[in-house]
Amino acid sequence: YRRGRIVGMKEPADEAARAAQVPRTVVHRRAGRDVPWDDRYDVWWHDLVAGQPEDLPCEDTDAEDVWMIAYTSGTTGRPKGAVHVQGGFLVKITSEVAYQIDMHPGDVLYWVTDMGWIMGQFEAVGGLALGGTVLLFEGAPTYPGPGRVWDLCQRHGVTILGISPTLVRALMPSGTGPVEAH
């Protein structure tokens, strides 16, 4: 959902998957809308997990096993994939969260970000590795009104808030009222 409306995610995901020659797409039914379907590629999440045990052992991985490929923004040239490995990413991102924002067990971290930006992993991986709680939200930070960020902070006991200059500029026309109300 974005600003109260359903945003079709399957269509652009299908286009990207076909371009990248991804053999299977796992689809989670969430919004209840009909989506394009191709049995050659698509499988429902609920069918995939049906009958699976609820508890699974952790996969034994090597510190140098690939964890993710994150693409750079391209601000200094063409975007490129940066390979992050299991051990290195966990150690580095956790140390950044510990030393840059002084997070501790018991803190609630809310970094208003997209999971496609490195700050999403900063929050989720680093925050959880340090024993904290992370707050994730769906939609736009200014919908249904300019007080949404502050309402979420108040309701969930946020102790560390991270926001971008772009979001600050988007919130400024609303004045200090939404902040002061919370």
N, C-alpha and C. Protein backbone atom coordinates (compact mmCIF):
# COMPACT_ATOMS: atom_id res chain seq x y z
N TYR A 1 0.84 -1.18 0.00
CA TYR A 1 0.00 0.00 0.00
C TYR A 1 0.88 1.24 0.00
N ARG A 2 0.45 2.22 -0.73
CA ARG A 2 1.15 3.50 -0.78
C ARG A 2 0.10 4.59 -0.81
N ARG A 3 0.12 5.45 0.19
CA ARG A 3 -0.85 6.53 0.30
C ARG A 3 -2.29 6.03 0.18
N GLY A 4 -2.57 4.89 0.85
CA GLY A 4 -3.91 4.35 0.91
C GLY A 4 -4.34 3.54 -0.30
N ARG A 5 -3.46 3.36 -1.26
CA ARG A 5 -3.82 2.59 -2.46
C ARG A 5 -2.87 1.42 -2.63
N ILE A 6 -3.38 0.37 -3.24
CA ILE A 6 -2.55 -0.80 -3.54
C ILE A 6 -1.66 -0.46 -4.73
N VAL A 7 -0.39 -0.77 -4.59
CA VAL A 7 0.58 -0.58 -5.68
C VAL A 7 0.90 -1.96 -6.24
N GLY A 8 0.68 -2.13 -7.53
CA GLY A 8 0.98 -3.42 -8.17
C GLY A 8 2.48 -3.69 -8.16
N MET A 9 2.87 -4.75 -7.48
CA MET A 9 4.29 -5.11 -7.40
C MET A 9 4.63 -6.27 -8.33
N LYS A 10 3.67 -7.11 -8.61
CA LYS A 10 3.97 -8.31 -9.40
C LYS A 10 4.36 -7.98 -10.83
N GLU A 11 3.68 -7.04 -11.43
CA GLU A 11 3.96 -6.71 -12.83
C GLU A 11 5.41 -6.25 -13.04
N PRO A 12 5.92 -5.27 -12.28
CA PRO A 12 7.32 -4.90 -12.48
C PRO A 12 8.29 -6.01 -12.04
N ALA A 13 7.89 -6.80 -11.04
CA ALA A 13 8.74 -7.93 -10.62
C ALA A 13 8.84 -8.95 -11.74
N ASP A 14 7.72 -9.22 -12.41
CA ASP A 14 7.73 -10.15 -13.55
C ASP A 14 8.66 -9.66 -14.65
N GLU A 15 8.56 -8.38 -14.96
CA GLU A 15 9.40 -7.80 -16.02
C GLU A 15 10.89 -7.94 -15.67
N ALA A 16 11.24 -7.63 -14.44
CA ALA A 16 12.64 -7.73 -14.00
C ALA A 16 13.10 -9.19 -13.98
N ALA A 17 12.24 -10.08 -13.51
CA ALA A 17 12.61 -11.50 -13.43
C ALA A 17 12.84 -12.08 -14.83
N ARG A 18 12.00 -11.71 -15.77
CA ARG A 18 12.19 -12.23 -17.14
C ARG A 18 13.47 -11.67 -17.76
N ALA A 19 13.74 -10.38 -17.53
CA ALA A 19 14.95 -9.77 -18.08
C ALA A 19 16.21 -10.40 -17.48
N ALA A 20 16.14 -10.78 -16.20
CA ALA A 20 17.30 -11.38 -15.53
C ALA A 20 17.31 -12.90 -15.65
N GLN A 21 16.33 -13.44 -16.31
CA GLN A 21 16.19 -14.89 -16.51
C GLN A 21 16.10 -15.64 -15.17
N VAL A 22 15.34 -15.07 -14.25
CA VAL A 22 15.09 -15.73 -12.97
C VAL A 22 14.11 -16.87 -13.23
N PRO A 23 14.44 -18.09 -12.81
CA PRO A 23 13.62 -19.25 -13.17
C PRO A 23 12.29 -19.35 -12.41
N ARG A 24 12.20 -18.86 -11.16
CA ARG A 24 10.98 -18.97 -10.38
C ARG A 24 10.73 -17.67 -9.61
N THR A 25 9.47 -17.33 -9.46
CA THR A 25 9.07 -16.19 -8.65
C THR A 25 8.11 -16.69 -7.58
N VAL A 26 8.43 -16.43 -6.33
CA VAL A 26 7.56 -16.80 -5.22
C VAL A 26 6.67 -15.60 -4.91
N VAL A 27 5.37 -15.83 -4.92
CA VAL A 27 4.39 -14.75 -4.78
C VAL A 27 3.62 -14.94 -3.47
N HIS A 28 3.60 -13.89 -2.66
CA HIS A 28 2.84 -13.91 -1.40
C HIS A 28 1.54 -13.16 -1.61
N ARG A 29 0.42 -13.83 -1.40
CA ARG A 29 -0.89 -13.17 -1.54
C ARG A 29 -1.12 -12.33 -0.31
N ARG A 30 -1.23 -11.04 -0.54
CA ARG A 30 -1.38 -10.13 0.58
C ARG A 30 -2.52 -9.16 0.39
N ALA A 31 -2.56 -8.52 -0.75
CA ALA A 31 -3.54 -7.46 -0.97
C ALA A 31 -4.88 -8.00 -1.49
N GLY A 32 -4.92 -9.27 -1.86
CA GLY A 32 -6.16 -9.86 -2.32
C GLY A 32 -6.57 -9.49 -3.73
N ARG A 33 -5.65 -8.94 -4.50
CA ARG A 33 -6.00 -8.57 -5.87
C ARG A 33 -5.55 -9.68 -6.84
N ASP A 34 -6.20 -9.74 -7.99
CA ASP A 34 -5.78 -10.68 -9.02
C ASP A 34 -4.47 -10.19 -9.62
N VAL A 35 -3.56 -11.13 -9.88
CA VAL A 35 -2.27 -10.78 -10.46
C VAL A 35 -2.03 -11.65 -11.68
N PRO A 36 -1.23 -11.16 -12.63
CA PRO A 36 -0.89 -11.99 -13.78
C PRO A 36 -0.16 -13.25 -13.29
N TRP A 37 -0.42 -14.37 -13.92
CA TRP A 37 0.13 -15.63 -13.43
C TRP A 37 0.64 -16.46 -14.59
N ASP A 38 1.81 -17.07 -14.39
CA ASP A 38 2.38 -17.97 -15.39
C ASP A 38 2.93 -19.18 -14.63
N ASP A 39 2.29 -20.33 -14.79
CA ASP A 39 2.68 -21.54 -14.07
C ASP A 39 4.12 -21.97 -14.35
N ARG A 40 4.71 -21.49 -15.45
CA ARG A 40 6.10 -21.85 -15.74
C ARG A 40 7.06 -21.17 -14.77
N TYR A 41 6.68 -20.03 -14.21
CA TYR A 41 7.58 -19.25 -13.37
C TYR A 41 7.07 -19.05 -11.95
N ASP A 42 5.75 -18.90 -11.80
CA ASP A 42 5.18 -18.44 -10.54
C ASP A 42 4.78 -19.58 -9.62
N VAL A 43 5.00 -19.36 -8.32
CA VAL A 43 4.55 -20.30 -7.29
C VAL A 43 4.06 -19.47 -6.10
N TRP A 44 2.95 -19.90 -5.52
CA TRP A 44 2.41 -19.21 -4.35
C TRP A 44 3.23 -19.56 -3.12
N TRP A 45 3.50 -18.57 -2.29
CA TRP A 45 4.21 -18.76 -1.03
C TRP A 45 3.48 -19.80 -0.16
N HIS A 46 2.16 -19.66 -0.04
CA HIS A 46 1.42 -20.57 0.84
C HIS A 46 1.49 -22.02 0.35
N ASP A 47 1.61 -22.23 -0.96
CA ASP A 47 1.79 -23.59 -1.47
C ASP A 47 3.19 -24.10 -1.17
N LEU A 48 4.16 -23.21 -1.25
CA LEU A 48 5.56 -23.58 -1.02
C LEU A 48 5.81 -24.01 0.42
N VAL A 49 5.18 -23.35 1.37
CA VAL A 49 5.44 -23.63 2.78
C VAL A 49 4.45 -24.61 3.40
N ALA A 50 3.41 -24.96 2.66
CA ALA A 50 2.41 -25.89 3.22
C ALA A 50 3.10 -27.19 3.64
N GLY A 51 2.82 -27.60 4.87
CA GLY A 51 3.38 -28.85 5.37
C GLY A 51 4.82 -28.78 5.85
N GLN A 52 5.43 -27.60 5.77
CA GLN A 52 6.81 -27.46 6.23
C GLN A 52 6.82 -27.26 7.75
N PRO A 53 7.89 -27.72 8.42
CA PRO A 53 7.96 -27.51 9.86
C PRO A 53 8.08 -26.01 10.18
N GLU A 54 7.55 -25.63 11.34
CA GLU A 54 7.63 -24.23 11.74
C GLU A 54 9.02 -23.84 12.21
N ASP A 55 9.76 -24.78 12.78
CA ASP A 55 11.11 -24.52 13.26
C ASP A 55 12.11 -25.22 12.35
N LEU A 56 13.10 -24.47 11.90
CA LEU A 56 14.14 -25.02 11.05
C LEU A 56 15.50 -24.71 11.65
N PRO A 57 16.45 -25.63 11.50
CA PRO A 57 17.80 -25.31 11.99
C PRO A 57 18.43 -24.23 11.12
N CYS A 58 19.33 -23.48 11.70
CA CYS A 58 20.06 -22.47 10.94
C CYS A 58 20.97 -23.16 9.93
N GLU A 59 21.11 -22.55 8.79
CA GLU A 59 22.02 -23.05 7.76
C GLU A 59 23.45 -22.75 8.20
N ASP A 60 24.30 -23.73 8.11
CA ASP A 60 25.71 -23.54 8.45
C ASP A 60 26.39 -22.85 7.27
N THR A 61 26.86 -21.64 7.48
CA THR A 61 27.51 -20.90 6.41
C THR A 61 28.92 -20.51 6.81
N ASP A 62 29.73 -20.30 5.82
CA ASP A 62 31.09 -19.83 6.02
C ASP A 62 31.07 -18.30 6.07
N ALA A 63 31.99 -17.72 6.78
CA ALA A 63 32.06 -16.26 6.88
C ALA A 63 32.21 -15.60 5.52
N GLU A 64 32.80 -16.30 4.55
CA GLU A 64 33.02 -15.72 3.22
C GLU A 64 31.91 -16.06 2.22
N ASP A 65 30.86 -16.76 2.64
CA ASP A 65 29.73 -17.02 1.75
C ASP A 65 29.01 -15.71 1.44
N VAL A 66 28.55 -15.57 0.22
CA VAL A 66 27.85 -14.34 -0.19
C VAL A 66 26.54 -14.21 0.59
N TRP A 67 26.31 -13.02 1.13
CA TRP A 67 25.07 -12.73 1.83
C TRP A 67 24.12 -11.92 0.93
N MET A 68 24.66 -10.90 0.26
CA MET A 68 23.82 -10.11 -0.65
C MET A 68 24.70 -9.34 -1.63
N ILE A 69 24.07 -8.93 -2.70
CA ILE A 69 24.69 -8.01 -3.64
C ILE A 69 23.87 -6.73 -3.57
N ALA A 70 24.49 -5.65 -3.13
CA ALA A 70 23.80 -4.35 -3.03
C ALA A 70 24.35 -3.45 -4.13
N TYR A 71 23.46 -2.82 -4.85
CA TYR A 71 23.89 -1.95 -5.93
C TYR A 71 24.11 -0.53 -5.42
N THR A 72 25.23 0.04 -5.86
CA THR A 72 25.55 1.41 -5.48
C THR A 72 24.59 2.36 -6.18
N SER A 73 24.53 3.59 -5.69
CA SER A 73 23.58 4.56 -6.22
C SER A 73 23.94 5.08 -7.61
N GLY A 74 25.21 5.02 -7.96
CA GLY A 74 25.62 5.55 -9.24
C GLY A 74 25.94 7.03 -9.22
N THR A 75 26.09 7.63 -8.04
CA THR A 75 26.36 9.06 -7.96
C THR A 75 27.73 9.42 -8.51
N THR A 76 28.66 8.48 -8.51
CA THR A 76 30.01 8.76 -9.02
C THR A 76 30.32 7.99 -10.29
N GLY A 77 29.32 7.41 -10.90
CA GLY A 77 29.51 6.62 -12.11
C GLY A 77 28.35 5.65 -12.25
N ARG A 78 28.51 4.67 -13.10
CA ARG A 78 27.45 3.67 -13.28
C ARG A 78 27.26 2.88 -11.99
N PRO A 79 25.98 2.57 -11.64
CA PRO A 79 25.76 1.72 -10.47
C PRO A 79 26.45 0.37 -10.66
N LYS A 80 26.98 -0.15 -9.57
CA LYS A 80 27.65 -1.45 -9.66
C LYS A 80 27.28 -2.27 -8.44
N GLY A 81 27.31 -3.59 -8.63
CA GLY A 81 26.98 -4.50 -7.55
C GLY A 81 28.15 -4.66 -6.59
N ALA A 82 27.90 -4.45 -5.32
CA ALA A 82 28.91 -4.66 -4.28
C ALA A 82 28.54 -5.95 -3.55
N VAL A 83 29.44 -6.92 -3.58
CA VAL A 83 29.19 -8.21 -2.95
C VAL A 83 29.54 -8.12 -1.47
N HIS A 84 28.58 -8.50 -0.63
CA HIS A 84 28.78 -8.53 0.82
C HIS A 84 28.72 -9.98 1.28
N VAL A 85 29.65 -10.35 2.16
CA VAL A 85 29.70 -11.74 2.63
C VAL A 85 29.14 -11.83 4.05
N GLN A 86 28.78 -13.08 4.44
CA GLN A 86 28.13 -13.34 5.73
C GLN A 86 28.84 -12.67 6.91
N GLY A 87 30.08 -13.01 7.12
CA GLY A 87 30.81 -12.52 8.29
C GLY A 87 31.14 -11.05 8.22
N GLY A 88 31.67 -10.62 7.10
CA GLY A 88 32.11 -9.24 6.96
C GLY A 88 30.98 -8.25 7.09
N PHE A 89 29.85 -8.53 6.46
CA PHE A 89 28.74 -7.58 6.51
C PHE A 89 28.20 -7.48 7.93
N LEU A 90 27.98 -8.62 8.58
CA LEU A 90 27.45 -8.60 9.93
C LEU A 90 28.35 -7.82 10.88
N VAL A 91 29.65 -8.07 10.81
CA VAL A 91 30.58 -7.39 11.71
C VAL A 91 30.62 -5.90 11.41
N LYS A 92 30.72 -5.52 10.14
CA LYS A 92 30.85 -4.11 9.78
C LYS A 92 29.58 -3.31 10.07
N ILE A 93 28.43 -3.83 9.64
CA ILE A 93 27.20 -3.06 9.82
C ILE A 93 26.84 -2.96 11.30
N THR A 94 27.12 -4.02 12.06
CA THR A 94 26.83 -3.99 13.49
C THR A 94 27.72 -2.99 14.20
N SER A 95 28.99 -2.93 13.82
CA SER A 95 29.88 -1.94 14.44
C SER A 95 29.45 -0.52 14.08
N GLU A 96 28.98 -0.32 12.87
CA GLU A 96 28.51 1.02 12.48
C GLU A 96 27.30 1.44 13.30
N VAL A 97 26.35 0.52 13.50
CA VAL A 97 25.17 0.85 14.29
C VAL A 97 25.57 1.10 15.74
N ALA A 98 26.49 0.30 16.26
CA ALA A 98 26.93 0.46 17.65
C ALA A 98 27.65 1.79 17.86
N TYR A 99 28.57 2.11 16.98
CA TYR A 99 29.41 3.29 17.22
C TYR A 99 28.86 4.58 16.62
N GLN A 100 28.11 4.49 15.53
CA GLN A 100 27.58 5.71 14.93
C GLN A 100 26.32 6.22 15.61
N ILE A 101 25.45 5.30 16.06
CA ILE A 101 24.22 5.77 16.69
C ILE A 101 24.08 5.29 18.14
N ASP A 102 25.10 4.62 18.65
CA ASP A 102 25.17 4.21 20.05
C ASP A 102 23.97 3.36 20.46
N MET A 103 23.61 2.39 19.62
CA MET A 103 22.48 1.53 19.92
C MET A 103 22.87 0.45 20.91
N HIS A 104 21.92 0.12 21.79
CA HIS A 104 22.12 -0.89 22.82
C HIS A 104 20.89 -1.79 22.91
N PRO A 105 21.03 -2.97 23.53
CA PRO A 105 19.84 -3.81 23.76
C PRO A 105 18.77 -2.98 24.48
N GLY A 106 17.54 -3.14 24.05
CA GLY A 106 16.44 -2.38 24.64
C GLY A 106 16.07 -1.14 23.86
N ASP A 107 16.98 -0.64 23.02
CA ASP A 107 16.64 0.51 22.18
C ASP A 107 15.67 0.08 21.07
N VAL A 108 14.88 1.04 20.61
CA VAL A 108 13.98 0.83 19.47
C VAL A 108 14.45 1.77 18.37
N LEU A 109 14.93 1.19 17.28
CA LEU A 109 15.46 1.95 16.15
C LEU A 109 14.42 2.06 15.04
N TYR A 110 14.19 3.27 14.60
CA TYR A 110 13.28 3.54 13.48
C TYR A 110 14.04 4.41 12.50
N TRP A 111 14.55 3.79 11.44
CA TRP A 111 15.21 4.54 10.39
C TRP A 111 14.25 4.57 9.22
N VAL A 112 13.75 5.75 8.90
CA VAL A 112 12.75 5.89 7.85
C VAL A 112 13.47 5.70 6.52
N THR A 113 13.35 4.51 5.96
CA THR A 113 14.13 4.16 4.78
C THR A 113 13.41 3.11 3.96
N ASP A 114 13.98 2.85 2.83
CA ASP A 114 13.54 1.78 1.95
C ASP A 114 14.51 0.63 2.13
N MET A 115 14.02 -0.60 2.13
CA MET A 115 14.91 -1.74 2.31
C MET A 115 15.88 -1.89 1.13
N GLY A 116 15.61 -1.21 0.04
CA GLY A 116 16.52 -1.26 -1.10
C GLY A 116 17.72 -0.33 -0.94
N TRP A 117 17.73 0.50 0.08
CA TRP A 117 18.84 1.40 0.37
C TRP A 117 19.64 0.76 1.49
N ILE A 118 20.91 1.00 1.58
CA ILE A 118 21.77 0.35 2.56
C ILE A 118 21.32 0.63 3.99
N MET A 119 20.62 1.74 4.21
CA MET A 119 20.15 2.04 5.56
C MET A 119 19.09 1.04 6.03
N GLY A 120 18.42 0.39 5.10
CA GLY A 120 17.49 -0.68 5.48
C GLY A 120 18.22 -1.83 6.15
N GLN A 121 19.35 -2.22 5.57
CA GLN A 121 20.16 -3.29 6.17
C GLN A 121 20.87 -2.80 7.43
N PHE A 122 21.26 -1.54 7.44
CA PHE A 122 21.85 -0.91 8.62
C PHE A 122 20.91 -1.11 9.81
N GLU A 123 19.64 -0.77 9.57
CA GLU A 123 18.63 -0.89 10.62
C GLU A 123 18.35 -2.34 10.98
N ALA A 124 17.97 -3.15 9.99
CA ALA A 124 17.53 -4.51 10.27
C ALA A 124 18.64 -5.41 10.78
N VAL A 125 19.76 -5.45 10.10
CA VAL A 125 20.85 -6.36 10.50
C VAL A 125 21.58 -5.82 11.71
N GLY A 126 22.02 -4.58 11.65
CA GLY A 126 22.77 -4.02 12.76
C GLY A 126 21.96 -3.87 14.02
N GLY A 127 20.73 -3.37 13.89
CA GLY A 127 19.88 -3.18 15.06
C GLY A 127 19.54 -4.48 15.76
N LEU A 128 19.19 -5.49 14.98
CA LEU A 128 18.84 -6.77 15.59
C LEU A 128 20.06 -7.48 16.14
N ALA A 129 21.21 -7.37 15.48
CA ALA A 129 22.43 -8.01 15.97
C ALA A 129 22.85 -7.45 17.32
N LEU A 130 22.49 -6.19 17.58
CA LEU A 130 22.84 -5.57 18.85
C LEU A 130 21.79 -5.82 19.93
N GLY A 131 20.75 -6.60 19.62
CA GLY A 131 19.74 -6.91 20.62
C GLY A 131 18.66 -5.87 20.76
N GLY A 132 18.57 -4.98 19.79
CA GLY A 132 17.53 -3.95 19.83
C GLY A 132 16.29 -4.40 19.08
N THR A 133 15.33 -3.49 19.03
CA THR A 133 14.11 -3.69 18.27
C THR A 133 14.15 -2.72 17.10
N VAL A 134 13.69 -3.16 15.94
CA VAL A 134 13.61 -2.25 14.80
C VAL A 134 12.15 -2.07 14.41
N LEU A 135 11.81 -0.86 14.04
CA LEU A 135 10.47 -0.53 13.61
C LEU A 135 10.47 -0.38 12.10
N LEU A 136 9.68 -1.19 11.43
CA LEU A 136 9.51 -1.10 9.98
C LEU A 136 8.07 -0.67 9.73
N PHE A 137 7.85 0.08 8.67
CA PHE A 137 6.51 0.53 8.36
C PHE A 137 6.26 0.38 6.87
N GLU A 138 5.00 0.42 6.51
CA GLU A 138 4.61 0.31 5.11
C GLU A 138 3.99 1.62 4.67
N GLY A 139 4.28 2.01 3.45
CA GLY A 139 3.64 3.19 2.90
C GLY A 139 4.54 4.41 2.91
N ALA A 140 3.91 5.56 2.95
CA ALA A 140 4.63 6.84 2.88
C ALA A 140 4.70 7.46 4.27
N PRO A 141 5.84 8.07 4.61
CA PRO A 141 5.98 8.66 5.95
C PRO A 141 5.10 9.88 6.18
N THR A 142 4.48 10.40 5.14
CA THR A 142 3.61 11.57 5.29
C THR A 142 2.14 11.24 5.07
N TYR A 143 1.81 9.95 5.01
CA TYR A 143 0.42 9.53 4.80
C TYR A 143 -0.04 8.68 5.96
N PRO A 144 -1.17 8.91 6.55
CA PRO A 144 -2.25 9.78 6.07
C PRO A 144 -2.10 11.26 6.44
N GLY A 145 -1.01 11.61 7.11
CA GLY A 145 -0.78 13.01 7.42
C GLY A 145 0.66 13.25 7.83
N PRO A 146 1.03 14.51 8.01
CA PRO A 146 2.43 14.85 8.30
C PRO A 146 2.90 14.41 9.69
N GLY A 147 1.99 13.91 10.53
CA GLY A 147 2.38 13.45 11.86
C GLY A 147 2.67 11.96 11.94
N ARG A 148 2.66 11.26 10.81
CA ARG A 148 2.82 9.81 10.86
C ARG A 148 4.13 9.37 11.51
N VAL A 149 5.25 9.97 11.13
CA VAL A 149 6.54 9.59 11.71
C VAL A 149 6.50 9.76 13.22
N TRP A 150 5.98 10.89 13.68
CA TRP A 150 5.98 11.20 15.11
C TRP A 150 5.00 10.31 15.86
N ASP A 151 3.88 9.99 15.23
CA ASP A 151 2.91 9.07 15.83
C ASP A 151 3.54 7.68 16.02
N LEU A 152 4.23 7.19 15.00
CA LEU A 152 4.89 5.89 15.12
C LEU A 152 5.94 5.90 16.21
N CYS A 153 6.70 6.99 16.30
CA CYS A 153 7.72 7.10 17.36
C CYS A 153 7.07 7.02 18.74
N GLN A 154 6.00 7.75 18.92
CA GLN A 154 5.33 7.77 20.22
C GLN A 154 4.72 6.41 20.54
N ARG A 155 3.96 5.83 19.61
CA ARG A 155 3.26 4.57 19.87
C ARG A 155 4.21 3.41 20.14
N HIS A 156 5.38 3.42 19.50
CA HIS A 156 6.28 2.27 19.61
C HIS A 156 7.51 2.54 20.48
N GLY A 157 7.55 3.67 21.15
CA GLY A 157 8.64 3.94 22.07
C GLY A 157 10.00 4.03 21.41
N VAL A 158 10.04 4.67 20.25
CA VAL A 158 11.30 4.80 19.51
C VAL A 158 12.31 5.59 20.34
N THR A 159 13.52 5.04 20.46
CA THR A 159 14.59 5.72 21.20
C THR A 159 15.66 6.27 20.25
N ILE A 160 15.71 5.75 19.01
CA ILE A 160 16.66 6.25 18.01
C ILE A 160 15.90 6.41 16.70
N LEU A 161 15.91 7.62 16.17
CA LEU A 161 15.21 7.93 14.92
C LEU A 161 16.23 8.38 13.88
N GLY A 162 16.14 7.82 12.69
CA GLY A 162 16.98 8.26 11.58
C GLY A 162 16.10 8.68 10.42
N ILE A 163 16.31 9.89 9.93
CA ILE A 163 15.57 10.38 8.77
C ILE A 163 16.52 11.11 7.83
N SER A 164 16.16 11.15 6.58
CA SER A 164 17.00 11.77 5.56
C SER A 164 16.70 13.26 5.44
N PRO A 165 17.66 14.02 4.93
CA PRO A 165 17.39 15.45 4.66
C PRO A 165 16.20 15.64 3.72
N THR A 166 16.02 14.73 2.78
CA THR A 166 14.88 14.83 1.86
C THR A 166 13.56 14.76 2.62
N LEU A 167 13.47 13.84 3.58
CA LEU A 167 12.24 13.73 4.37
C LEU A 167 12.07 14.96 5.26
N VAL A 168 13.13 15.45 5.84
CA VAL A 168 13.04 16.67 6.66
C VAL A 168 12.46 17.80 5.83
N ARG A 169 12.96 17.98 4.60
CA ARG A 169 12.45 19.04 3.73
C ARG A 169 10.98 18.82 3.40
N ALA A 170 10.57 17.56 3.22
CA ALA A 170 9.16 17.27 2.92
C ALA A 170 8.26 17.56 4.11
N LEU A 171 8.78 17.42 5.33
CA LEU A 171 7.99 17.65 6.54
C LEU A 171 7.96 19.12 6.96
N MET A 172 8.94 19.90 6.56
CA MET A 172 9.06 21.29 7.00
C MET A 172 7.82 22.16 6.72
N PRO A 173 7.17 22.03 5.56
CA PRO A 173 6.00 22.88 5.32
C PRO A 173 4.86 22.67 6.33
N SER A 174 4.85 21.54 7.03
CA SER A 174 3.81 21.27 8.03
C SER A 174 4.10 21.95 9.37
N GLY A 175 5.29 22.54 9.49
CA GLY A 175 5.63 23.24 10.73
C GLY A 175 5.95 22.28 11.86
N THR A 176 5.99 22.81 13.06
CA THR A 176 6.35 22.02 14.23
C THR A 176 5.16 21.36 14.92
N GLY A 177 3.95 21.70 14.50
CA GLY A 177 2.74 21.16 15.13
C GLY A 177 2.69 19.65 15.20
N PRO A 178 2.96 18.94 14.10
CA PRO A 178 2.91 17.48 14.17
C PRO A 178 3.92 16.89 15.16
N VAL A 179 5.08 17.51 15.29
CA VAL A 179 6.07 17.03 16.25
C VAL A 179 5.59 17.31 17.67
N GLU A 180 5.16 18.54 17.90
CA GLU A 180 4.73 18.96 19.23
C GLU A 180 3.50 18.19 19.71
N ALA A 181 2.67 17.71 18.79
CA ALA A 181 1.49 16.94 19.17
C ALA A 181 1.84 15.56 19.71
N HIS A 182 3.07 15.15 19.51
CA HIS A 182 3.50 13.83 19.97
C HIS A 182 4.62 13.95 20.97
